[in-house]
Amino acid sequence: MESQPLDLGDSVWQYKPWWCQPWSILLTTAIAIGGSWQLFHRLWVTGLVGLPVLAWAGFFVIVFPRLARETGLLAEMRQQHGGKA
């Protein structure tokens, strides 16, 4: 199975729906952390909410795109979409 070389502009985000884009992930993170603070006004509760939410956002915004590129998932996504975004 021969894979096509990736374009420098090729991105995993081209193949994801709007609710799985970096802006929506970061917005959800900000709303969850800010909402926790607005509701409880307790640093420890906001910390309990913030740590896993930040870990989730960090994985999907920073780690997942790199892993998709390195493991060939990005090439598979491109192939499934007919070789174009």
N, C-alpha and C. Protein backbone atom coordinates (compact mmCIF):
# COMPACT_ATOMS: atom_id res chain seq x y z
N MET A 1 0.85 -1.17 0.00
CA MET A 1 0.00 0.00 0.00
C MET A 1 0.89 1.23 0.00
N GLU A 2 0.82 1.98 -1.06
CA GLU A 2 1.66 3.16 -1.21
C GLU A 2 0.87 4.40 -0.80
N SER A 3 1.44 5.20 0.08
CA SER A 3 0.75 6.40 0.53
C SER A 3 1.29 7.61 -0.22
N GLN A 4 0.43 8.60 -0.38
CA GLN A 4 0.81 9.83 -1.05
C GLN A 4 1.59 10.71 -0.07
N PRO A 5 2.55 11.47 -0.58
CA PRO A 5 3.25 12.40 0.33
C PRO A 5 2.28 13.47 0.81
N LEU A 6 2.43 13.85 2.05
CA LEU A 6 1.54 14.86 2.63
C LEU A 6 1.97 16.26 2.21
N ASP A 7 0.99 17.09 1.92
CA ASP A 7 1.26 18.50 1.68
C ASP A 7 1.63 19.15 3.00
N LEU A 8 2.43 20.19 2.94
CA LEU A 8 2.77 20.90 4.17
C LEU A 8 1.54 21.53 4.81
N GLY A 9 0.56 21.91 3.98
CA GLY A 9 -0.66 22.53 4.49
C GLY A 9 -1.72 21.52 4.90
N ASP A 10 -1.44 20.22 4.70
CA ASP A 10 -2.41 19.19 5.04
C ASP A 10 -2.56 19.10 6.56
N SER A 11 -3.80 19.07 7.01
CA SER A 11 -4.06 19.09 8.45
C SER A 11 -5.20 18.15 8.79
N VAL A 12 -5.11 17.54 9.93
CA VAL A 12 -6.18 16.65 10.40
C VAL A 12 -7.48 17.42 10.56
N TRP A 13 -7.40 18.71 10.82
CA TRP A 13 -8.60 19.52 11.06
C TRP A 13 -9.43 19.70 9.79
N GLN A 14 -8.84 19.50 8.63
CA GLN A 14 -9.58 19.59 7.37
C GLN A 14 -10.64 18.49 7.26
N TYR A 15 -10.45 17.41 8.00
CA TYR A 15 -11.33 16.25 7.89
C TYR A 15 -12.25 16.08 9.09
N LYS A 16 -12.25 17.03 9.98
CA LYS A 16 -13.07 16.96 11.19
C LYS A 16 -14.26 17.91 11.10
N PRO A 17 -15.39 17.56 11.74
CA PRO A 17 -16.56 18.45 11.72
C PRO A 17 -16.31 19.71 12.57
N TRP A 18 -17.21 20.67 12.46
CA TRP A 18 -17.04 21.96 13.14
C TRP A 18 -16.90 21.82 14.65
N TRP A 19 -17.61 20.85 15.24
CA TRP A 19 -17.57 20.71 16.70
C TRP A 19 -16.30 20.03 17.18
N CYS A 20 -15.44 19.62 16.26
CA CYS A 20 -14.17 18.98 16.63
C CYS A 20 -12.99 19.80 16.08
N GLN A 21 -13.16 21.08 15.97
CA GLN A 21 -12.11 21.98 15.51
C GLN A 21 -11.41 22.58 16.73
N PRO A 22 -10.16 23.05 16.57
CA PRO A 22 -9.45 23.61 17.72
C PRO A 22 -10.21 24.73 18.42
N TRP A 23 -10.85 25.61 17.66
CA TRP A 23 -11.56 26.72 18.28
C TRP A 23 -12.71 26.22 19.16
N SER A 24 -13.42 25.17 18.74
CA SER A 24 -14.53 24.68 19.54
C SER A 24 -14.05 23.93 20.78
N ILE A 25 -12.91 23.25 20.64
CA ILE A 25 -12.34 22.55 21.80
C ILE A 25 -11.86 23.57 22.83
N LEU A 26 -11.18 24.61 22.39
CA LEU A 26 -10.69 25.63 23.32
C LEU A 26 -11.84 26.43 23.92
N LEU A 27 -12.88 26.70 23.14
CA LEU A 27 -14.05 27.40 23.66
C LEU A 27 -14.75 26.57 24.73
N THR A 28 -14.90 25.28 24.48
CA THR A 28 -15.51 24.38 25.46
C THR A 28 -14.69 24.35 26.75
N THR A 29 -13.37 24.32 26.60
CA THR A 29 -12.48 24.33 27.76
C THR A 29 -12.67 25.61 28.58
N ALA A 30 -12.69 26.74 27.90
CA ALA A 30 -12.85 28.02 28.60
C ALA A 30 -14.21 28.11 29.28
N ILE A 31 -15.26 27.63 28.62
CA ILE A 31 -16.60 27.67 29.21
C ILE A 31 -16.68 26.76 30.44
N ALA A 32 -16.09 25.58 30.35
CA ALA A 32 -16.14 24.64 31.48
C ALA A 32 -15.40 25.21 32.69
N ILE A 33 -14.22 25.74 32.47
CA ILE A 33 -13.43 26.28 33.58
C ILE A 33 -14.07 27.57 34.11
N GLY A 34 -14.44 28.46 33.21
CA GLY A 34 -15.08 29.71 33.64
C GLY A 34 -16.42 29.47 34.31
N GLY A 35 -17.19 28.52 33.77
CA GLY A 35 -18.49 28.18 34.37
C GLY A 35 -18.34 27.59 35.76
N SER A 36 -17.32 26.77 35.93
CA SER A 36 -17.05 26.20 37.24
C SER A 36 -16.75 27.31 38.26
N TRP A 37 -15.95 28.27 37.84
CA TRP A 37 -15.62 29.38 38.75
C TRP A 37 -16.85 30.23 39.05
N GLN A 38 -17.65 30.50 38.02
CA GLN A 38 -18.86 31.32 38.21
C GLN A 38 -19.87 30.62 39.13
N LEU A 39 -19.99 29.33 39.01
CA LEU A 39 -20.96 28.60 39.83
C LEU A 39 -20.51 28.44 41.28
N PHE A 40 -19.25 28.08 41.48
CA PHE A 40 -18.81 27.68 42.82
C PHE A 40 -17.90 28.69 43.52
N HIS A 41 -17.20 29.51 42.79
CA HIS A 41 -16.24 30.45 43.38
C HIS A 41 -15.30 29.77 44.36
N ARG A 42 -14.89 28.58 44.00
CA ARG A 42 -13.94 27.80 44.81
C ARG A 42 -12.80 27.36 43.91
N LEU A 43 -11.58 27.73 44.29
CA LEU A 43 -10.42 27.40 43.48
C LEU A 43 -10.24 25.89 43.36
N TRP A 44 -10.47 25.15 44.43
CA TRP A 44 -10.24 23.72 44.38
C TRP A 44 -11.24 23.02 43.47
N VAL A 45 -12.48 23.50 43.41
CA VAL A 45 -13.47 22.91 42.50
C VAL A 45 -13.10 23.24 41.06
N THR A 46 -12.72 24.48 40.82
CA THR A 46 -12.31 24.88 39.48
C THR A 46 -11.07 24.09 39.05
N GLY A 47 -10.18 23.84 39.99
CA GLY A 47 -9.00 23.01 39.69
C GLY A 47 -9.39 21.59 39.34
N LEU A 48 -10.35 21.03 40.08
CA LEU A 48 -10.81 19.67 39.78
C LEU A 48 -11.47 19.58 38.41
N VAL A 49 -12.14 20.64 38.03
CA VAL A 49 -12.75 20.68 36.70
C VAL A 49 -11.68 20.97 35.65
N GLY A 50 -10.82 21.92 35.95
CA GLY A 50 -9.85 22.39 34.97
C GLY A 50 -8.78 21.40 34.56
N LEU A 51 -8.26 20.63 35.50
CA LEU A 51 -7.18 19.71 35.16
C LEU A 51 -7.57 18.68 34.11
N PRO A 52 -8.65 17.93 34.30
CA PRO A 52 -9.00 16.95 33.25
C PRO A 52 -9.44 17.61 31.94
N VAL A 53 -10.12 18.75 32.04
CA VAL A 53 -10.57 19.43 30.82
C VAL A 53 -9.36 19.96 30.04
N LEU A 54 -8.38 20.51 30.74
CA LEU A 54 -7.17 20.98 30.07
C LEU A 54 -6.37 19.82 29.47
N ALA A 55 -6.34 18.70 30.17
CA ALA A 55 -5.66 17.51 29.63
C ALA A 55 -6.34 17.04 28.35
N TRP A 56 -7.68 17.01 28.37
CA TRP A 56 -8.46 16.61 27.20
C TRP A 56 -8.19 17.57 26.03
N ALA A 57 -8.26 18.86 26.29
CA ALA A 57 -8.04 19.85 25.23
C ALA A 57 -6.61 19.77 24.70
N GLY A 58 -5.66 19.64 25.60
CA GLY A 58 -4.26 19.53 25.19
C GLY A 58 -4.01 18.33 24.31
N PHE A 59 -4.64 17.21 24.67
CA PHE A 59 -4.47 16.02 23.84
C PHE A 59 -5.02 16.25 22.44
N PHE A 60 -6.24 16.75 22.34
CA PHE A 60 -6.86 16.88 21.03
C PHE A 60 -6.33 18.03 20.19
N VAL A 61 -5.82 19.08 20.82
CA VAL A 61 -5.32 20.21 20.04
C VAL A 61 -3.83 20.07 19.73
N ILE A 62 -3.06 19.44 20.62
CA ILE A 62 -1.61 19.36 20.43
C ILE A 62 -1.14 17.95 20.05
N VAL A 63 -1.53 16.96 20.81
CA VAL A 63 -0.99 15.61 20.63
C VAL A 63 -1.65 14.87 19.47
N PHE A 64 -2.98 14.88 19.38
CA PHE A 64 -3.69 14.12 18.35
C PHE A 64 -3.25 14.46 16.93
N PRO A 65 -3.14 15.74 16.54
CA PRO A 65 -2.70 16.03 15.17
C PRO A 65 -1.32 15.45 14.84
N ARG A 66 -0.41 15.53 15.79
CA ARG A 66 0.93 14.98 15.56
C ARG A 66 0.87 13.46 15.43
N LEU A 67 0.11 12.81 16.32
CA LEU A 67 -0.01 11.36 16.23
C LEU A 67 -0.69 10.93 14.94
N ALA A 68 -1.69 11.67 14.50
CA ALA A 68 -2.38 11.34 13.25
C ALA A 68 -1.41 11.40 12.08
N ARG A 69 -0.54 12.38 12.09
CA ARG A 69 0.45 12.53 11.02
C ARG A 69 1.49 11.42 11.08
N GLU A 70 2.00 11.13 12.30
CA GLU A 70 3.08 10.16 12.45
C GLU A 70 2.63 8.72 12.23
N THR A 71 1.39 8.40 12.56
CA THR A 71 0.92 7.02 12.44
C THR A 71 0.30 6.71 11.09
N GLY A 72 0.12 7.71 10.25
CA GLY A 72 -0.48 7.49 8.94
C GLY A 72 -1.99 7.68 8.93
N LEU A 73 -2.57 8.02 10.05
CA LEU A 73 -4.02 8.25 10.10
C LEU A 73 -4.43 9.41 9.20
N LEU A 74 -3.61 10.43 9.14
CA LEU A 74 -3.92 11.58 8.29
C LEU A 74 -3.96 11.17 6.82
N ALA A 75 -3.02 10.32 6.40
CA ALA A 75 -3.02 9.83 5.02
C ALA A 75 -4.27 8.99 4.75
N GLU A 76 -4.68 8.19 5.73
CA GLU A 76 -5.92 7.40 5.57
C GLU A 76 -7.14 8.31 5.46
N MET A 77 -7.19 9.36 6.28
CA MET A 77 -8.32 10.30 6.23
C MET A 77 -8.38 10.95 4.85
N ARG A 78 -7.21 11.34 4.34
CA ARG A 78 -7.18 11.98 3.04
C ARG A 78 -7.65 11.00 1.95
N GLN A 79 -7.21 9.75 2.04
CA GLN A 79 -7.60 8.74 1.06
C GLN A 79 -9.11 8.48 1.11
N GLN A 80 -9.70 8.46 2.30
CA GLN A 80 -11.13 8.24 2.44
C GLN A 80 -11.94 9.39 1.86
N HIS A 81 -11.34 10.57 1.82
CA HIS A 81 -12.04 11.74 1.29
C HIS A 81 -11.66 12.01 -0.17
N GLY A 82 -11.14 10.99 -0.84
CA GLY A 82 -10.84 11.14 -2.26
C GLY A 82 -9.58 11.90 -2.56
N GLY A 83 -8.67 11.97 -1.60
CA GLY A 83 -7.39 12.64 -1.84
C GLY A 83 -7.43 14.14 -1.74
N LYS A 84 -8.55 14.69 -1.31
CA LYS A 84 -8.63 16.14 -1.16
C LYS A 84 -9.37 16.48 0.11
N ALA A 85 -9.21 17.71 0.56
CA ALA A 85 -9.86 18.14 1.81
C ALA A 85 -11.32 18.33 1.61
